[in-house]
């Protein structure tokens, strides 16, 4: 699966990065500047790559469903 480009933070414009829960292997996206973040994304049995994609989709979503 190819890496999804993360948009800048919608609040401060800072750089976004993936954050992985070490135990569960699930992902969220977090701003490196203001520290705002999505919730961790998971559905049982889907795996890490699906969690990472879902986190990116949530982060990249903007008003009006623009991606």
N, C-alpha and C. Protein backbone atom coordinates (compact mmCIF):
# COMPACT_ATOMS: atom_id res chain seq x y z
N UNK A 1 0.84 -1.17 0.00
CA UNK A 1 0.00 0.00 0.00
C UNK A 1 0.89 1.23 0.00
N UNK A 2 0.59 2.17 -0.86
CA UNK A 2 1.42 3.37 -0.94
C UNK A 2 1.07 4.34 0.19
N UNK A 3 2.05 5.12 0.59
CA UNK A 3 1.89 6.09 1.67
C UNK A 3 0.95 7.20 1.23
N UNK A 4 -0.01 7.53 2.08
CA UNK A 4 -0.96 8.60 1.80
C UNK A 4 -0.36 9.91 2.31
N UNK A 5 -0.38 10.93 1.47
CA UNK A 5 0.14 12.25 1.87
C UNK A 5 -0.83 12.89 2.85
N UNK A 6 -0.29 13.30 4.00
CA UNK A 6 -1.11 13.94 5.02
C UNK A 6 -1.15 15.45 4.80
N UNK A 7 -2.34 16.01 4.89
CA UNK A 7 -2.49 17.46 4.77
C UNK A 7 -1.94 18.14 6.03
N UNK A 8 -1.61 19.43 5.93
CA UNK A 8 -1.17 20.16 7.12
C UNK A 8 -2.30 20.22 8.15
N UNK A 9 -1.96 20.52 9.38
CA UNK A 9 -2.94 20.62 10.45
C UNK A 9 -4.00 21.67 10.09
N UNK A 10 -5.28 21.34 10.26
CA UNK A 10 -6.33 22.31 9.92
C UNK A 10 -6.42 23.46 10.92
N UNK A 11 -5.75 23.36 12.06
CA UNK A 11 -5.82 24.40 13.08
C UNK A 11 -4.63 25.34 13.05
N UNK A 12 -3.42 24.79 12.90
CA UNK A 12 -2.24 25.65 12.97
C UNK A 12 -1.37 25.58 11.71
N UNK A 13 -1.67 24.65 10.80
CA UNK A 13 -0.88 24.51 9.58
C UNK A 13 0.38 23.68 9.77
N UNK A 14 0.56 23.11 10.96
CA UNK A 14 1.74 22.31 11.26
C UNK A 14 1.79 21.00 10.49
N UNK A 15 2.94 20.37 10.54
CA UNK A 15 3.16 19.09 9.87
C UNK A 15 2.47 17.97 10.63
N UNK A 16 1.84 17.06 9.90
CA UNK A 16 1.16 15.92 10.50
C UNK A 16 2.03 14.68 10.38
N UNK A 17 1.88 13.80 11.35
CA UNK A 17 2.63 12.55 11.34
C UNK A 17 1.75 11.42 11.88
N UNK A 18 2.07 10.21 11.49
CA UNK A 18 1.35 9.05 12.02
C UNK A 18 1.86 8.74 13.42
N UNK A 19 0.96 8.33 14.29
CA UNK A 19 1.30 7.86 15.63
C UNK A 19 0.73 6.45 15.75
N UNK A 20 1.59 5.51 16.12
CA UNK A 20 1.19 4.10 16.20
C UNK A 20 1.15 3.66 17.66
N UNK A 21 0.06 3.02 18.04
CA UNK A 21 -0.01 2.40 19.35
C UNK A 21 0.85 1.15 19.30
N UNK A 22 1.87 1.06 20.15
CA UNK A 22 2.83 -0.04 20.09
C UNK A 22 2.22 -1.39 20.40
N UNK A 23 1.26 -1.43 21.27
CA UNK A 23 0.67 -2.71 21.67
C UNK A 23 -0.38 -3.19 20.69
N UNK A 24 -1.32 -2.33 20.35
CA UNK A 24 -2.44 -2.74 19.50
C UNK A 24 -2.11 -2.66 18.01
N UNK A 25 -1.09 -1.88 17.62
CA UNK A 25 -0.74 -1.75 16.21
C UNK A 25 -1.77 -0.97 15.42
N UNK A 26 -2.40 0.01 16.08
CA UNK A 26 -3.37 0.85 15.39
C UNK A 26 -2.81 2.27 15.30
N UNK A 27 -3.39 3.07 14.41
CA UNK A 27 -2.83 4.39 14.11
C UNK A 27 -3.80 5.53 14.35
N UNK A 28 -3.20 6.70 14.57
CA UNK A 28 -3.89 7.98 14.53
C UNK A 28 -2.94 8.93 13.81
N UNK A 29 -3.40 10.14 13.57
CA UNK A 29 -2.53 11.17 12.98
C UNK A 29 -2.48 12.32 13.98
N UNK A 30 -1.27 12.88 14.17
CA UNK A 30 -1.05 13.92 15.17
C UNK A 30 -0.24 15.07 14.57
N UNK A 31 -0.60 16.29 14.94
CA UNK A 31 0.15 17.47 14.52
C UNK A 31 1.42 17.57 15.35
N UNK A 32 2.55 17.79 14.70
CA UNK A 32 3.81 17.92 15.41
C UNK A 32 3.96 19.27 16.10
N UNK A 33 3.09 20.23 15.77
CA UNK A 33 3.17 21.57 16.34
C UNK A 33 2.20 21.74 17.51
N UNK A 34 0.90 21.68 17.26
CA UNK A 34 -0.09 21.95 18.32
C UNK A 34 -0.57 20.69 19.02
N UNK A 35 -0.14 19.53 18.51
CA UNK A 35 -0.42 18.22 19.13
C UNK A 35 -1.87 17.75 19.02
N UNK A 36 -2.72 18.43 18.23
CA UNK A 36 -4.07 17.90 18.05
C UNK A 36 -3.96 16.59 17.27
N UNK A 37 -4.94 15.71 17.46
CA UNK A 37 -4.85 14.40 16.81
C UNK A 37 -6.21 13.80 16.58
N UNK A 38 -6.25 12.84 15.66
CA UNK A 38 -7.46 12.06 15.43
C UNK A 38 -7.55 11.01 16.52
N UNK A 39 -8.68 10.34 16.59
CA UNK A 39 -8.78 9.17 17.45
C UNK A 39 -8.04 8.02 16.77
N UNK A 40 -7.66 7.02 17.54
CA UNK A 40 -7.06 5.84 16.93
C UNK A 40 -8.13 5.12 16.12
N UNK A 41 -7.76 4.68 14.93
CA UNK A 41 -8.70 4.06 14.00
C UNK A 41 -8.51 2.55 13.97
N UNK A 42 -9.58 1.81 14.21
CA UNK A 42 -9.47 0.36 14.17
C UNK A 42 -10.82 -0.31 14.01
N UNK A 43 -10.81 -1.44 13.41
CA UNK A 43 -11.89 -2.41 13.39
C UNK A 43 -11.20 -3.73 13.61
N UNK A 44 -11.71 -4.52 14.50
CA UNK A 44 -11.05 -5.78 14.83
C UNK A 44 -10.78 -6.63 13.60
N UNK A 45 -9.54 -7.08 13.46
CA UNK A 45 -9.16 -7.98 12.39
C UNK A 45 -8.76 -7.35 11.08
N UNK A 46 -8.79 -6.04 10.96
CA UNK A 46 -8.47 -5.41 9.68
C UNK A 46 -6.97 -5.19 9.46
N UNK A 47 -6.20 -5.04 10.51
CA UNK A 47 -4.76 -4.89 10.36
C UNK A 47 -4.27 -3.46 10.39
N UNK A 48 -2.94 -3.34 10.47
CA UNK A 48 -2.29 -2.04 10.62
C UNK A 48 -2.44 -1.13 9.41
N UNK A 49 -2.31 -1.68 8.21
CA UNK A 49 -2.38 -0.82 7.02
C UNK A 49 -3.76 -0.20 6.86
N UNK A 50 -4.80 -0.95 7.18
CA UNK A 50 -6.16 -0.41 7.10
C UNK A 50 -6.33 0.69 8.15
N UNK A 51 -5.82 0.46 9.36
CA UNK A 51 -5.89 1.46 10.41
C UNK A 51 -5.17 2.75 9.99
N UNK A 52 -4.01 2.61 9.38
CA UNK A 52 -3.23 3.77 8.93
C UNK A 52 -3.97 4.55 7.86
N UNK A 53 -4.59 3.83 6.91
CA UNK A 53 -5.36 4.49 5.85
C UNK A 53 -6.57 5.21 6.43
N UNK A 54 -7.27 4.58 7.36
CA UNK A 54 -8.44 5.22 7.97
C UNK A 54 -8.04 6.47 8.73
N UNK A 55 -6.93 6.42 9.46
CA UNK A 55 -6.45 7.59 10.20
C UNK A 55 -6.14 8.74 9.23
N UNK A 56 -5.50 8.42 8.12
CA UNK A 56 -5.17 9.45 7.12
C UNK A 56 -6.45 10.02 6.50
N UNK A 57 -7.41 9.17 6.21
CA UNK A 57 -8.68 9.65 5.64
C UNK A 57 -9.39 10.60 6.60
N UNK A 58 -9.40 10.27 7.89
CA UNK A 58 -10.04 11.13 8.88
C UNK A 58 -9.29 12.47 8.97
N UNK A 59 -7.97 12.41 9.02
CA UNK A 59 -7.16 13.63 9.13
C UNK A 59 -7.32 14.53 7.90
N UNK A 60 -7.31 13.93 6.73
CA UNK A 60 -7.33 14.71 5.49
C UNK A 60 -8.71 15.23 5.13
N UNK A 61 -9.74 14.80 5.81
CA UNK A 61 -11.09 15.26 5.52
C UNK A 61 -11.23 16.72 5.95
N UNK A 62 -11.84 17.52 5.09
CA UNK A 62 -12.05 18.93 5.37
C UNK A 62 -13.52 19.29 5.19
N UNK A 63 -13.90 20.47 5.63
CA UNK A 63 -15.27 20.93 5.52
C UNK A 63 -15.76 20.78 4.08
N UNK A 64 -16.96 20.32 3.90
CA UNK A 64 -17.50 20.09 2.57
C UNK A 64 -17.06 18.78 1.97
N UNK A 65 -16.52 17.88 2.81
CA UNK A 65 -16.06 16.55 2.39
C UNK A 65 -14.92 16.60 1.40
N UNK A 66 -14.25 17.72 1.28
CA UNK A 66 -13.08 17.85 0.39
C UNK A 66 -11.94 17.05 0.94
N UNK A 67 -11.22 16.32 0.08
CA UNK A 67 -10.08 15.52 0.52
C UNK A 67 -8.84 15.94 -0.19
